[in-house]
Amino acid sequence: MSLVLTEHESKKLLAKYEIAVTKESIAKNADEAYAIASQIGTPVAMKISSPDISHKSDVGGVELNIPASEAKATYDKIISRIKKALPDAKIEGILVQQMAPPGHEIIVGLKKDAQFGHALMFGLGGIFVEVYKDVSFRVAPIGIKEALDMISEIKGYPILKGIRGRKPADIDAIARVLVSVSEMAQKENIIELDINPLIAGETGAIAVDARAMIEE
């Protein structure tokens, strides 16, 4: 039997393997949303938290760059929108999280195959993965050298190295995330995992959104 984790639960799993994740908490009401936003420092991102909703943006469940002064109203707006669009969805609250720092959008995936075991995927995130489908794969487990090879063999590698004035990504930090996800594959009952996006700046990489499916 499989269980789909919420974004917040998925990130807790990532943090267990020392993958950096955004500062965040789940607000159960509008007052909590304001308090969390004030504590994290604004602006913040606010997202619906529900085990029944995987694609939050598609149903109006995401608002970005929200100042603390608008956190209460935004909480009510998202909840009202979701209840109207998906009245039967289980709502845990609103995830209030820090806005991601600037950097390169990366996608890291993990999928369990009946024949080969866990396969790792790496590529540029955002529109790049949807349009170009420029990704690389390896069968887990992998070490740091294989992770670096995965990164360097995609066509978009020069983008990560920094071209046309863009700042380079921290390639070593991305490689460490790939190795950590590989380790998770060996120790956790993961069926699927997507980190999209992982934001890689000049120093470090942080998971902004994640979704995991595990075997119970």
N, C-alpha and C. Protein backbone atom coordinates (compact mmCIF):
# COMPACT_ATOMS: atom_id res chain seq x y z
N MET A 1 0.85 -1.19 0.00
CA MET A 1 0.00 0.00 0.00
C MET A 1 0.89 1.25 0.00
N SER A 2 0.52 2.22 -0.81
CA SER A 2 1.35 3.43 -0.93
C SER A 2 0.71 4.59 -0.18
N LEU A 3 1.56 5.52 0.24
CA LEU A 3 1.13 6.72 0.95
C LEU A 3 1.81 7.92 0.32
N VAL A 4 1.02 8.91 -0.08
CA VAL A 4 1.58 10.14 -0.65
C VAL A 4 1.82 11.14 0.48
N LEU A 5 3.03 11.60 0.63
CA LEU A 5 3.37 12.57 1.66
C LEU A 5 3.06 13.98 1.17
N THR A 6 2.70 14.85 2.08
CA THR A 6 2.54 16.26 1.72
C THR A 6 3.92 16.87 1.48
N GLU A 7 3.93 18.07 0.94
CA GLU A 7 5.20 18.77 0.72
C GLU A 7 5.97 18.90 2.03
N HIS A 8 5.30 19.30 3.09
CA HIS A 8 5.95 19.49 4.39
C HIS A 8 6.54 18.17 4.90
N GLU A 9 5.78 17.10 4.78
CA GLU A 9 6.26 15.78 5.22
C GLU A 9 7.44 15.32 4.36
N SER A 10 7.35 15.58 3.05
CA SER A 10 8.44 15.19 2.14
C SER A 10 9.72 15.93 2.49
N LYS A 11 9.60 17.21 2.83
CA LYS A 11 10.79 17.99 3.17
C LYS A 11 11.41 17.54 4.49
N LYS A 12 10.57 17.09 5.42
CA LYS A 12 11.11 16.54 6.67
C LYS A 12 11.99 15.33 6.37
N LEU A 13 11.57 14.53 5.40
CA LEU A 13 12.34 13.36 5.00
C LEU A 13 13.67 13.80 4.38
N LEU A 14 13.64 14.84 3.54
CA LEU A 14 14.86 15.35 2.94
C LEU A 14 15.82 15.88 4.01
N ALA A 15 15.28 16.61 4.96
CA ALA A 15 16.12 17.20 6.02
C ALA A 15 16.81 16.13 6.85
N LYS A 16 16.16 14.99 6.98
CA LYS A 16 16.75 13.86 7.71
C LYS A 16 18.07 13.42 7.07
N TYR A 17 18.20 13.66 5.77
CA TYR A 17 19.42 13.30 5.04
C TYR A 17 20.26 14.53 4.69
N GLU A 18 20.10 15.56 5.52
CA GLU A 18 20.91 16.78 5.46
C GLU A 18 20.78 17.53 4.12
N ILE A 19 19.62 17.41 3.49
CA ILE A 19 19.31 18.22 2.32
C ILE A 19 18.63 19.49 2.83
N ALA A 20 19.16 20.64 2.46
CA ALA A 20 18.60 21.91 2.94
C ALA A 20 17.20 22.11 2.38
N VAL A 21 16.28 22.56 3.24
CA VAL A 21 14.90 22.83 2.83
C VAL A 21 14.51 24.22 3.33
N THR A 22 13.45 24.77 2.77
CA THR A 22 12.99 26.09 3.17
C THR A 22 12.47 26.09 4.60
N LYS A 23 12.63 27.22 5.28
CA LYS A 23 12.03 27.39 6.61
C LYS A 23 10.52 27.49 6.41
N GLU A 24 9.78 26.74 7.20
CA GLU A 24 8.33 26.72 6.98
C GLU A 24 7.60 26.08 8.15
N SER A 25 6.32 26.39 8.25
CA SER A 25 5.42 25.77 9.24
C SER A 25 4.02 25.77 8.66
N ILE A 26 3.18 24.87 9.16
CA ILE A 26 1.80 24.80 8.71
C ILE A 26 0.91 25.64 9.63
N ALA A 27 0.17 26.55 9.03
CA ALA A 27 -0.78 27.38 9.76
C ALA A 27 -2.16 26.73 9.71
N LYS A 28 -2.79 26.63 10.86
CA LYS A 28 -4.13 26.04 10.94
C LYS A 28 -5.23 27.09 10.85
N ASN A 29 -4.85 28.36 10.99
CA ASN A 29 -5.82 29.44 10.87
C ASN A 29 -5.09 30.71 10.43
N ALA A 30 -5.86 31.76 10.19
CA ALA A 30 -5.29 33.00 9.65
C ALA A 30 -4.32 33.66 10.63
N ASP A 31 -4.63 33.60 11.92
CA ASP A 31 -3.74 34.21 12.92
C ASP A 31 -2.39 33.50 12.94
N GLU A 32 -2.40 32.17 12.84
CA GLU A 32 -1.15 31.42 12.80
C GLU A 32 -0.35 31.75 11.55
N ALA A 33 -1.04 31.96 10.43
CA ALA A 33 -0.35 32.33 9.20
C ALA A 33 0.40 33.64 9.37
N TYR A 34 -0.23 34.60 10.01
CA TYR A 34 0.42 35.89 10.27
C TYR A 34 1.63 35.72 11.18
N ALA A 35 1.47 34.92 12.24
CA ALA A 35 2.56 34.72 13.20
C ALA A 35 3.75 34.03 12.56
N ILE A 36 3.48 33.02 11.73
CA ILE A 36 4.57 32.28 11.07
C ILE A 36 5.28 33.17 10.06
N ALA A 37 4.50 33.93 9.29
CA ALA A 37 5.09 34.83 8.30
C ALA A 37 5.99 35.87 8.97
N SER A 38 5.54 36.38 10.10
CA SER A 38 6.32 37.38 10.84
C SER A 38 7.60 36.78 11.38
N GLN A 39 7.53 35.52 11.82
CA GLN A 39 8.70 34.86 12.39
C GLN A 39 9.72 34.50 11.32
N ILE A 40 9.25 34.00 10.19
CA ILE A 40 10.16 33.60 9.11
C ILE A 40 10.83 34.82 8.49
N GLY A 41 10.06 35.90 8.36
CA GLY A 41 10.54 37.08 7.64
C GLY A 41 9.93 37.09 6.26
N THR A 42 9.34 38.20 5.91
CA THR A 42 8.59 38.25 4.67
C THR A 42 9.34 38.98 3.57
N PRO A 43 8.92 38.77 2.31
CA PRO A 43 7.71 38.06 1.91
C PRO A 43 7.87 36.54 2.02
N VAL A 44 6.72 35.86 2.05
CA VAL A 44 6.70 34.40 2.14
C VAL A 44 5.89 33.81 1.00
N ALA A 45 6.02 32.52 0.83
CA ALA A 45 5.15 31.76 -0.06
C ALA A 45 4.10 31.07 0.82
N MET A 46 2.88 30.98 0.32
CA MET A 46 1.81 30.31 1.06
C MET A 46 1.17 29.28 0.13
N LYS A 47 1.11 28.03 0.62
CA LYS A 47 0.64 26.92 -0.21
C LYS A 47 -0.34 26.05 0.56
N ILE A 48 -1.34 25.55 -0.13
CA ILE A 48 -2.27 24.62 0.50
C ILE A 48 -1.52 23.34 0.89
N SER A 49 -1.83 22.82 2.07
CA SER A 49 -1.24 21.55 2.51
C SER A 49 -2.35 20.51 2.61
N SER A 50 -2.31 19.55 1.69
CA SER A 50 -3.34 18.52 1.62
C SER A 50 -2.76 17.26 1.00
N PRO A 51 -3.00 16.09 1.61
CA PRO A 51 -2.54 14.84 1.00
C PRO A 51 -3.28 14.51 -0.29
N ASP A 52 -4.39 15.22 -0.54
CA ASP A 52 -5.20 14.97 -1.73
C ASP A 52 -4.84 15.88 -2.90
N ILE A 53 -3.93 16.82 -2.68
CA ILE A 53 -3.59 17.80 -3.72
C ILE A 53 -2.09 17.78 -3.98
N SER A 54 -1.70 17.23 -5.12
CA SER A 54 -0.29 17.18 -5.49
C SER A 54 0.13 18.40 -6.30
N HIS A 55 -0.72 18.82 -7.22
CA HIS A 55 -0.39 19.96 -8.08
C HIS A 55 -1.14 21.19 -7.56
N LYS A 56 -0.50 21.83 -6.59
CA LYS A 56 -1.16 22.91 -5.85
C LYS A 56 -1.49 24.13 -6.71
N SER A 57 -0.58 24.47 -7.62
CA SER A 57 -0.80 25.66 -8.44
C SER A 57 -2.00 25.51 -9.36
N ASP A 58 -2.27 24.28 -9.81
CA ASP A 58 -3.35 24.04 -10.76
C ASP A 58 -4.73 24.36 -10.19
N VAL A 59 -4.84 24.32 -8.86
CA VAL A 59 -6.14 24.55 -8.23
C VAL A 59 -6.15 25.86 -7.43
N GLY A 60 -5.18 26.73 -7.71
CA GLY A 60 -5.14 28.01 -7.02
C GLY A 60 -4.67 27.92 -5.59
N GLY A 61 -3.83 26.92 -5.31
CA GLY A 61 -3.39 26.70 -3.94
C GLY A 61 -2.05 27.30 -3.57
N VAL A 62 -1.54 28.21 -4.40
CA VAL A 62 -0.23 28.82 -4.14
C VAL A 62 -0.30 30.33 -4.34
N GLU A 63 0.27 31.06 -3.38
CA GLU A 63 0.45 32.51 -3.50
C GLU A 63 1.88 32.84 -3.10
N LEU A 64 2.54 33.69 -3.88
CA LEU A 64 3.95 34.01 -3.66
C LEU A 64 4.15 35.47 -3.28
N ASN A 65 5.29 35.72 -2.64
CA ASN A 65 5.69 37.09 -2.28
C ASN A 65 4.64 37.81 -1.44
N ILE A 66 4.18 37.13 -0.40
CA ILE A 66 3.15 37.69 0.47
C ILE A 66 3.79 38.36 1.69
N PRO A 67 3.54 39.66 1.90
CA PRO A 67 4.03 40.31 3.12
C PRO A 67 3.21 39.86 4.33
N ALA A 68 3.78 39.99 5.51
CA ALA A 68 3.08 39.55 6.73
C ALA A 68 1.72 40.23 6.87
N SER A 69 1.64 41.47 6.45
CA SER A 69 0.39 42.22 6.59
C SER A 69 -0.76 41.63 5.78
N GLU A 70 -0.42 40.81 4.77
CA GLU A 70 -1.45 40.21 3.93
C GLU A 70 -1.62 38.71 4.18
N ALA A 71 -0.91 38.19 5.16
CA ALA A 71 -0.92 36.74 5.41
C ALA A 71 -2.31 36.23 5.82
N LYS A 72 -3.00 36.98 6.67
CA LYS A 72 -4.33 36.54 7.12
C LYS A 72 -5.31 36.48 5.95
N ALA A 73 -5.35 37.54 5.17
CA ALA A 73 -6.28 37.59 4.04
C ALA A 73 -5.94 36.52 3.00
N THR A 74 -4.65 36.29 2.81
CA THR A 74 -4.22 35.29 1.83
C THR A 74 -4.59 33.89 2.31
N TYR A 75 -4.45 33.64 3.61
CA TYR A 75 -4.87 32.34 4.18
C TYR A 75 -6.34 32.07 3.84
N ASP A 76 -7.19 33.04 4.15
CA ASP A 76 -8.63 32.87 3.92
C ASP A 76 -8.93 32.71 2.43
N LYS A 77 -8.20 33.44 1.59
CA LYS A 77 -8.44 33.37 0.14
C LYS A 77 -8.11 31.99 -0.41
N ILE A 78 -6.97 31.43 0.02
CA ILE A 78 -6.57 30.10 -0.48
C ILE A 78 -7.54 29.03 0.00
N ILE A 79 -7.88 29.07 1.29
CA ILE A 79 -8.80 28.07 1.85
C ILE A 79 -10.15 28.12 1.13
N SER A 80 -10.67 29.31 0.92
CA SER A 80 -11.96 29.48 0.24
C SER A 80 -11.90 28.94 -1.19
N ARG A 81 -10.79 29.24 -1.86
CA ARG A 81 -10.61 28.81 -3.24
C ARG A 81 -10.57 27.28 -3.34
N ILE A 82 -9.85 26.64 -2.42
CA ILE A 82 -9.71 25.18 -2.46
C ILE A 82 -11.03 24.50 -2.10
N LYS A 83 -11.73 25.02 -1.12
CA LYS A 83 -13.01 24.42 -0.73
C LYS A 83 -14.02 24.49 -1.86
N LYS A 84 -13.91 25.52 -2.65
CA LYS A 84 -14.82 25.66 -3.80
C LYS A 84 -14.41 24.72 -4.93
N ALA A 85 -13.10 24.62 -5.18
CA ALA A 85 -12.61 23.80 -6.30
C ALA A 85 -12.63 22.31 -5.96
N LEU A 86 -12.26 21.97 -4.72
CA LEU A 86 -12.16 20.56 -4.30
C LEU A 86 -12.81 20.40 -2.92
N PRO A 87 -14.12 20.40 -2.87
CA PRO A 87 -14.82 20.37 -1.58
C PRO A 87 -14.55 19.13 -0.74
N ASP A 88 -14.12 18.03 -1.36
CA ASP A 88 -13.90 16.80 -0.61
C ASP A 88 -12.44 16.62 -0.19
N ALA A 89 -11.57 17.53 -0.57
CA ALA A 89 -10.15 17.39 -0.23
C ALA A 89 -9.92 17.60 1.26
N LYS A 90 -9.05 16.79 1.83
CA LYS A 90 -8.66 16.95 3.22
C LYS A 90 -7.64 18.08 3.31
N ILE A 91 -7.96 19.10 4.09
CA ILE A 91 -7.07 20.26 4.20
C ILE A 91 -6.41 20.26 5.57
N GLU A 92 -5.08 20.23 5.58
CA GLU A 92 -4.34 20.26 6.84
C GLU A 92 -4.05 21.69 7.29
N GLY A 93 -4.08 22.62 6.36
CA GLY A 93 -3.79 24.01 6.67
C GLY A 93 -3.06 24.64 5.51
N ILE A 94 -2.38 25.73 5.79
CA ILE A 94 -1.59 26.43 4.77
C ILE A 94 -0.12 26.38 5.17
N LEU A 95 0.71 25.93 4.25
CA LEU A 95 2.15 25.91 4.48
C LEU A 95 2.70 27.30 4.20
N VAL A 96 3.27 27.91 5.23
CA VAL A 96 3.86 29.24 5.10
C VAL A 96 5.37 29.05 5.09
N GLN A 97 6.04 29.46 4.01
CA GLN A 97 7.47 29.17 3.89
C GLN A 97 8.24 30.36 3.34
N GLN A 98 9.53 30.35 3.62
CA GLN A 98 10.39 31.40 3.11
C GLN A 98 10.43 31.36 1.59
N MET A 99 10.53 32.52 0.98
CA MET A 99 10.71 32.58 -0.46
C MET A 99 12.11 32.09 -0.80
N ALA A 100 12.22 31.39 -1.91
CA ALA A 100 13.50 30.81 -2.29
C ALA A 100 14.49 31.90 -2.70
N PRO A 101 15.76 31.70 -2.38
CA PRO A 101 16.78 32.64 -2.86
C PRO A 101 16.95 32.49 -4.36
N PRO A 102 17.52 33.48 -5.03
CA PRO A 102 17.74 33.36 -6.47
C PRO A 102 18.74 32.26 -6.79
N GLY A 103 18.58 31.65 -7.96
CA GLY A 103 19.50 30.59 -8.37
C GLY A 103 18.94 29.81 -9.54
N HIS A 104 19.57 28.70 -9.83
CA HIS A 104 19.18 27.83 -10.94
C HIS A 104 18.15 26.82 -10.45
N GLU A 105 17.09 26.64 -11.23
CA GLU A 105 16.06 25.65 -10.88
C GLU A 105 16.49 24.27 -11.38
N ILE A 106 16.51 23.32 -10.43
CA ILE A 106 16.94 21.95 -10.71
C ILE A 106 15.81 21.00 -10.37
N ILE A 107 15.72 19.89 -11.09
CA ILE A 107 14.82 18.82 -10.70
C ILE A 107 15.64 17.56 -10.39
N VAL A 108 15.32 16.95 -9.25
CA VAL A 108 15.94 15.68 -8.86
C VAL A 108 14.81 14.70 -8.60
N GLY A 109 14.86 13.55 -9.23
CA GLY A 109 13.80 12.57 -9.08
C GLY A 109 14.33 11.20 -8.69
N LEU A 110 13.46 10.41 -8.10
CA LEU A 110 13.80 9.04 -7.72
C LEU A 110 12.56 8.19 -7.96
N LYS A 111 12.73 7.06 -8.64
CA LYS A 111 11.59 6.18 -8.90
C LYS A 111 12.02 4.73 -8.78
N LYS A 112 11.18 3.97 -8.11
CA LYS A 112 11.48 2.55 -7.91
C LYS A 112 10.95 1.74 -9.08
N ASP A 113 11.86 1.01 -9.73
CA ASP A 113 11.50 0.15 -10.86
C ASP A 113 11.54 -1.30 -10.40
N ALA A 114 10.54 -2.07 -10.81
CA ALA A 114 10.45 -3.47 -10.37
C ALA A 114 11.66 -4.29 -10.79
N GLN A 115 12.25 -3.93 -11.92
CA GLN A 115 13.38 -4.71 -12.45
C GLN A 115 14.74 -4.16 -12.00
N PHE A 116 14.91 -2.84 -12.05
CA PHE A 116 16.22 -2.27 -11.80
C PHE A 116 16.41 -1.68 -10.40
N GLY A 117 15.34 -1.59 -9.64
CA GLY A 117 15.44 -0.93 -8.35
C GLY A 117 15.21 0.56 -8.51
N HIS A 118 15.86 1.37 -7.69
CA HIS A 118 15.66 2.81 -7.72
C HIS A 118 16.50 3.49 -8.80
N ALA A 119 15.85 4.30 -9.62
CA ALA A 119 16.54 5.08 -10.64
C ALA A 119 16.51 6.55 -10.27
N LEU A 120 17.67 7.19 -10.35
CA LEU A 120 17.81 8.61 -10.06
C LEU A 120 17.69 9.41 -11.34
N MET A 121 17.07 10.59 -11.27
CA MET A 121 16.97 11.47 -12.42
C MET A 121 17.47 12.85 -12.02
N PHE A 122 18.17 13.51 -12.94
CA PHE A 122 18.65 14.87 -12.73
C PHE A 122 18.42 15.70 -13.98
N GLY A 123 18.04 16.96 -13.81
CA GLY A 123 17.88 17.85 -14.96
C GLY A 123 17.64 19.27 -14.52
N LEU A 124 17.58 20.19 -15.48
CA LEU A 124 17.20 21.55 -15.18
C LEU A 124 15.71 21.59 -14.94
N GLY A 125 15.28 22.36 -13.94
CA GLY A 125 13.88 22.41 -13.58
C GLY A 125 13.11 23.46 -14.34
N GLY A 126 11.89 23.73 -13.89
CA GLY A 126 11.06 24.75 -14.51
C GLY A 126 10.70 24.39 -15.94
N ILE A 127 10.69 25.40 -16.80
CA ILE A 127 10.30 25.18 -18.20
C ILE A 127 11.31 24.32 -18.95
N PHE A 128 12.54 24.27 -18.46
CA PHE A 128 13.58 23.52 -19.17
C PHE A 128 13.24 22.03 -19.23
N VAL A 129 12.83 21.46 -18.09
CA VAL A 129 12.55 20.03 -18.07
C VAL A 129 11.30 19.71 -18.88
N GLU A 130 10.33 20.63 -18.90
CA GLU A 130 9.09 20.39 -19.63
C GLU A 130 9.29 20.52 -21.14
N VAL A 131 10.10 21.49 -21.54
CA VAL A 131 10.28 21.76 -22.96
C VAL A 131 11.37 20.88 -23.58
N TYR A 132 12.52 20.83 -22.91
CA TYR A 132 13.67 20.16 -23.52
C TYR A 132 13.82 18.70 -23.10
N LYS A 133 13.21 18.34 -21.96
CA LYS A 133 13.35 16.97 -21.43
C LYS A 133 14.83 16.56 -21.39
N ASP A 134 15.65 17.48 -20.92
CA ASP A 134 17.10 17.31 -20.86
C ASP A 134 17.48 16.77 -19.49
N VAL A 135 17.47 15.45 -19.36
CA VAL A 135 17.72 14.82 -18.06
C VAL A 135 18.72 13.67 -18.20
N SER A 136 19.30 13.30 -17.06
CA SER A 136 20.20 12.15 -17.02
C SER A 136 19.71 11.19 -15.95
N PHE A 137 20.10 9.91 -16.08
CA PHE A 137 19.63 8.88 -15.17
C PHE A 137 20.80 8.02 -14.67
N ARG A 138 20.64 7.48 -13.47
CA ARG A 138 21.54 6.47 -12.93
C ARG A 138 20.74 5.54 -12.03
N VAL A 139 21.20 4.31 -11.92
CA VAL A 139 20.60 3.37 -10.97
C VAL A 139 21.31 3.55 -9.63
N ALA A 140 20.53 3.73 -8.57
CA ALA A 140 21.10 3.90 -7.23
C ALA A 140 21.64 2.55 -6.72
N PRO A 141 22.68 2.59 -5.87
CA PRO A 141 23.30 3.77 -5.27
C PRO A 141 24.38 4.38 -6.15
N ILE A 142 24.65 5.67 -5.92
CA ILE A 142 25.73 6.33 -6.63
C ILE A 142 26.63 7.05 -5.63
N GLY A 143 27.85 7.33 -6.06
CA GLY A 143 28.78 8.11 -5.27
C GLY A 143 28.93 9.50 -5.87
N ILE A 144 29.83 10.29 -5.29
CA ILE A 144 29.97 11.68 -5.71
C ILE A 144 30.45 11.79 -7.16
N LYS A 145 31.33 10.89 -7.61
CA LYS A 145 31.82 10.96 -8.99
C LYS A 145 30.68 10.72 -9.98
N GLU A 146 29.85 9.72 -9.71
CA GLU A 146 28.71 9.45 -10.60
C GLU A 146 27.72 10.61 -10.59
N ALA A 147 27.55 11.25 -9.44
CA ALA A 147 26.66 12.40 -9.34
C ALA A 147 27.18 13.54 -10.22
N LEU A 148 28.47 13.79 -10.15
CA LEU A 148 29.07 14.85 -10.97
C LEU A 148 28.94 14.52 -12.46
N ASP A 149 29.06 13.24 -12.80
CA ASP A 149 28.89 12.82 -14.19
C ASP A 149 27.45 13.07 -14.65
N MET A 150 26.48 12.76 -13.80
CA MET A 150 25.07 13.00 -14.13
C MET A 150 24.82 14.47 -14.46
N ILE A 151 25.43 15.33 -13.67
CA ILE A 151 25.23 16.76 -13.84
C ILE A 151 25.87 17.25 -15.14
N SER A 152 27.09 16.78 -15.40
CA SER A 152 27.86 17.31 -16.54
C SER A 152 27.37 16.80 -17.89
N GLU A 153 26.62 15.70 -17.91
CA GLU A 153 26.27 15.13 -19.21
C GLU A 153 24.98 15.68 -19.82
N ILE A 154 24.22 16.50 -19.09
CA ILE A 154 23.03 17.09 -19.70
C ILE A 154 23.46 18.23 -20.64
N LYS A 155 22.63 18.48 -21.64
CA LYS A 155 22.95 19.52 -22.61
C LYS A 155 22.98 20.91 -21.98
N GLY A 156 22.21 21.09 -20.92
CA GLY A 156 22.14 22.39 -20.26
C GLY A 156 23.24 22.64 -19.25
N TYR A 157 24.23 21.77 -19.20
CA TYR A 157 25.31 21.93 -18.22
C TYR A 157 25.98 23.31 -18.29
N PRO A 158 26.24 23.87 -19.49
CA PRO A 158 26.86 25.21 -19.55
C PRO A 158 26.04 26.28 -18.82
N ILE A 159 24.72 26.10 -18.75
CA ILE A 159 23.87 27.06 -18.02
C ILE A 159 24.23 27.03 -16.55
N LEU A 160 24.45 25.83 -16.01
CA LEU A 160 24.82 25.70 -14.61
C LEU A 160 26.21 26.26 -14.33
N LYS A 161 27.07 26.19 -15.31
CA LYS A 161 28.43 26.71 -15.15
C LYS A 161 28.46 28.24 -15.22
N GLY A 162 27.39 28.83 -15.73
CA GLY A 162 27.30 30.28 -15.80
C GLY A 162 27.64 30.80 -17.18
N ILE A 163 26.63 31.19 -17.92
CA ILE A 163 26.85 31.77 -19.26
C ILE A 163 26.05 33.05 -19.40
N ARG A 164 26.52 33.93 -20.28
CA ARG A 164 25.83 35.19 -20.59
C ARG A 164 25.47 35.99 -19.34
N GLY A 165 26.43 36.06 -18.44
CA GLY A 165 26.24 36.90 -17.27
C GLY A 165 25.54 36.24 -16.11
N ARG A 166 25.02 35.02 -16.30
CA ARG A 166 24.35 34.32 -15.20
C ARG A 166 25.38 33.77 -14.23
N LYS A 167 25.07 33.83 -12.96
CA LYS A 167 25.99 33.32 -11.96
C LYS A 167 25.98 31.79 -11.99
N PRO A 168 27.13 31.15 -11.75
CA PRO A 168 27.17 29.69 -11.79
C PRO A 168 26.47 29.06 -10.59
N ALA A 169 26.06 27.82 -10.77
CA ALA A 169 25.47 27.06 -9.67
C ALA A 169 26.57 26.34 -8.90
N ASP A 170 26.27 26.02 -7.65
CA ASP A 170 27.20 25.24 -6.82
C ASP A 170 27.07 23.77 -7.22
N ILE A 171 27.90 23.35 -8.16
CA ILE A 171 27.82 21.99 -8.71
C ILE A 171 28.04 20.94 -7.62
N ASP A 172 28.99 21.20 -6.73
CA ASP A 172 29.28 20.23 -5.66
C ASP A 172 28.08 20.06 -4.73
N ALA A 173 27.37 21.16 -4.46
CA ALA A 173 26.19 21.07 -3.60
C ALA A 173 25.09 20.24 -4.25
N ILE A 174 24.91 20.42 -5.56
CA ILE A 174 23.92 19.62 -6.29
C ILE A 174 24.30 18.15 -6.24
N ALA A 175 25.58 17.86 -6.43
CA ALA A 175 26.06 16.47 -6.39
C ALA A 175 25.80 15.84 -5.03
N ARG A 176 25.99 16.62 -3.98
CA ARG A 176 25.74 16.08 -2.63
C ARG A 176 24.27 15.75 -2.43
N VAL A 177 23.38 16.55 -3.01
CA VAL A 177 21.95 16.25 -2.93
C VAL A 177 21.64 14.94 -3.64
N LEU A 178 22.23 14.74 -4.82
CA LEU A 178 22.02 13.50 -5.56
C LEU A 178 22.50 12.29 -4.75
N VAL A 179 23.64 12.41 -4.11
CA VAL A 179 24.16 11.30 -3.30
C VAL A 179 23.25 11.06 -2.09
N SER A 180 22.74 12.12 -1.49
CA SER A 180 21.82 11.97 -0.34
C SER A 180 20.53 11.29 -0.75
N VAL A 181 20.00 11.66 -1.92
CA VAL A 181 18.78 11.02 -2.42
C VAL A 181 19.06 9.54 -2.71
N SER A 182 20.24 9.25 -3.24
CA SER A 182 20.64 7.87 -3.47
C SER A 182 20.66 7.09 -2.16
N GLU A 183 21.15 7.73 -1.11
CA GLU A 183 21.19 7.08 0.21
C GLU A 183 19.78 6.83 0.72
N MET A 184 18.87 7.78 0.49
CA MET A 184 17.48 7.61 0.89
C MET A 184 16.87 6.38 0.22
N ALA A 185 17.25 6.17 -1.04
CA ALA A 185 16.71 5.04 -1.80
C ALA A 185 17.06 3.71 -1.14
N GLN A 186 18.21 3.68 -0.47
CA GLN A 186 18.65 2.44 0.16
C GLN A 186 18.03 2.23 1.54
N LYS A 187 17.59 3.32 2.17
CA LYS A 187 17.17 3.23 3.57
C LYS A 187 15.69 3.48 3.82
N GLU A 188 15.00 4.11 2.85
CA GLU A 188 13.58 4.43 3.02
C GLU A 188 12.75 3.65 2.01
N ASN A 189 11.47 3.47 2.35
CA ASN A 189 10.56 2.73 1.46
C ASN A 189 9.94 3.67 0.42
N ILE A 190 10.79 4.25 -0.40
CA ILE A 190 10.33 5.25 -1.35
C ILE A 190 9.94 4.60 -2.68
N ILE A 191 8.75 4.95 -3.16
CA ILE A 191 8.30 4.52 -4.48
C ILE A 191 8.66 5.60 -5.50
N GLU A 192 8.36 6.85 -5.15
CA GLU A 192 8.69 7.99 -6.01
C GLU A 192 9.06 9.18 -5.15
N LEU A 193 9.97 10.00 -5.66
CA LEU A 193 10.34 11.25 -5.01
C LEU A 193 10.69 12.27 -6.08
N ASP A 194 10.15 13.47 -5.94
CA ASP A 194 10.48 14.58 -6.83
C ASP A 194 10.86 15.79 -5.99
N ILE A 195 12.01 16.34 -6.24
CA ILE A 195 12.39 17.64 -5.69
C ILE A 195 12.36 18.60 -6.88
N ASN A 196 11.37 19.48 -6.90
CA ASN A 196 11.22 20.37 -8.06
C ASN A 196 10.46 21.63 -7.66
N PRO A 197 11.20 22.74 -7.48
CA PRO A 197 12.62 22.84 -7.81
C PRO A 197 13.54 22.70 -6.59
N LEU A 198 14.75 22.30 -6.90
CA LEU A 198 15.90 22.48 -6.01
C LEU A 198 16.58 23.74 -6.55
N ILE A 199 16.72 24.75 -5.73
CA ILE A 199 17.35 25.99 -6.18
C ILE A 199 18.83 25.96 -5.81
N ALA A 200 19.68 26.02 -6.83
CA ALA A 200 21.12 26.00 -6.63
C ALA A 200 21.70 27.38 -6.90
N GLY A 201 22.25 27.99 -5.87
CA GLY A 201 22.90 29.29 -6.02
C GLY A 201 24.40 29.11 -6.16
N GLU A 202 25.12 30.20 -5.98
CA GLU A 202 26.58 30.12 -6.05
C GLU A 202 27.14 29.29 -4.91
N THR A 203 26.47 29.33 -3.78
CA THR A 203 26.88 28.50 -2.64
C THR A 203 25.65 27.79 -2.08
N GLY A 204 25.62 26.49 -2.20
CA GLY A 204 24.54 25.70 -1.63
C GLY A 204 23.37 25.46 -2.57
N ALA A 205 22.49 24.57 -2.12
CA ALA A 205 21.28 24.22 -2.86
C ALA A 205 20.18 23.94 -1.85
N ILE A 206 18.96 24.41 -2.14
CA ILE A 206 17.86 24.28 -1.19
C ILE A 206 16.61 23.76 -1.89
N ALA A 207 15.95 22.79 -1.26
CA ALA A 207 14.72 22.21 -1.81
C ALA A 207 13.55 23.14 -1.50
N VAL A 208 12.91 23.64 -2.55
CA VAL A 208 11.79 24.56 -2.41
C VAL A 208 10.45 23.82 -2.43
N ASP A 209 10.38 22.75 -3.20
CA ASP A 209 9.16 21.95 -3.25
C ASP A 209 9.56 20.49 -3.40
N ALA A 210 8.78 19.62 -2.82
CA ALA A 210 9.09 18.17 -2.89
C ALA A 210 7.81 17.37 -2.73
N ARG A 211 7.83 16.19 -3.32
CA ARG A 211 6.68 15.29 -3.22
C ARG A 211 7.22 13.86 -3.17
N ALA A 212 6.77 13.09 -2.22
CA ALA A 212 7.24 11.72 -2.07
C ALA A 212 6.06 10.76 -1.92
N MET A 213 6.26 9.55 -2.46
CA MET A 213 5.30 8.46 -2.27
C MET A 213 6.07 7.30 -1.67
N ILE A 214 5.58 6.76 -0.57
CA ILE A 214 6.29 5.69 0.13
C ILE A 214 5.41 4.47 0.28
N GLU A 215 6.06 3.34 0.49
CA GLU A 215 5.35 2.09 0.80
C GLU A 215 5.13 2.02 2.30
N GLU A 216 3.90 1.77 2.69
CA GLU A 216 3.60 1.66 4.12
C GLU A 216 3.99 0.28 4.63
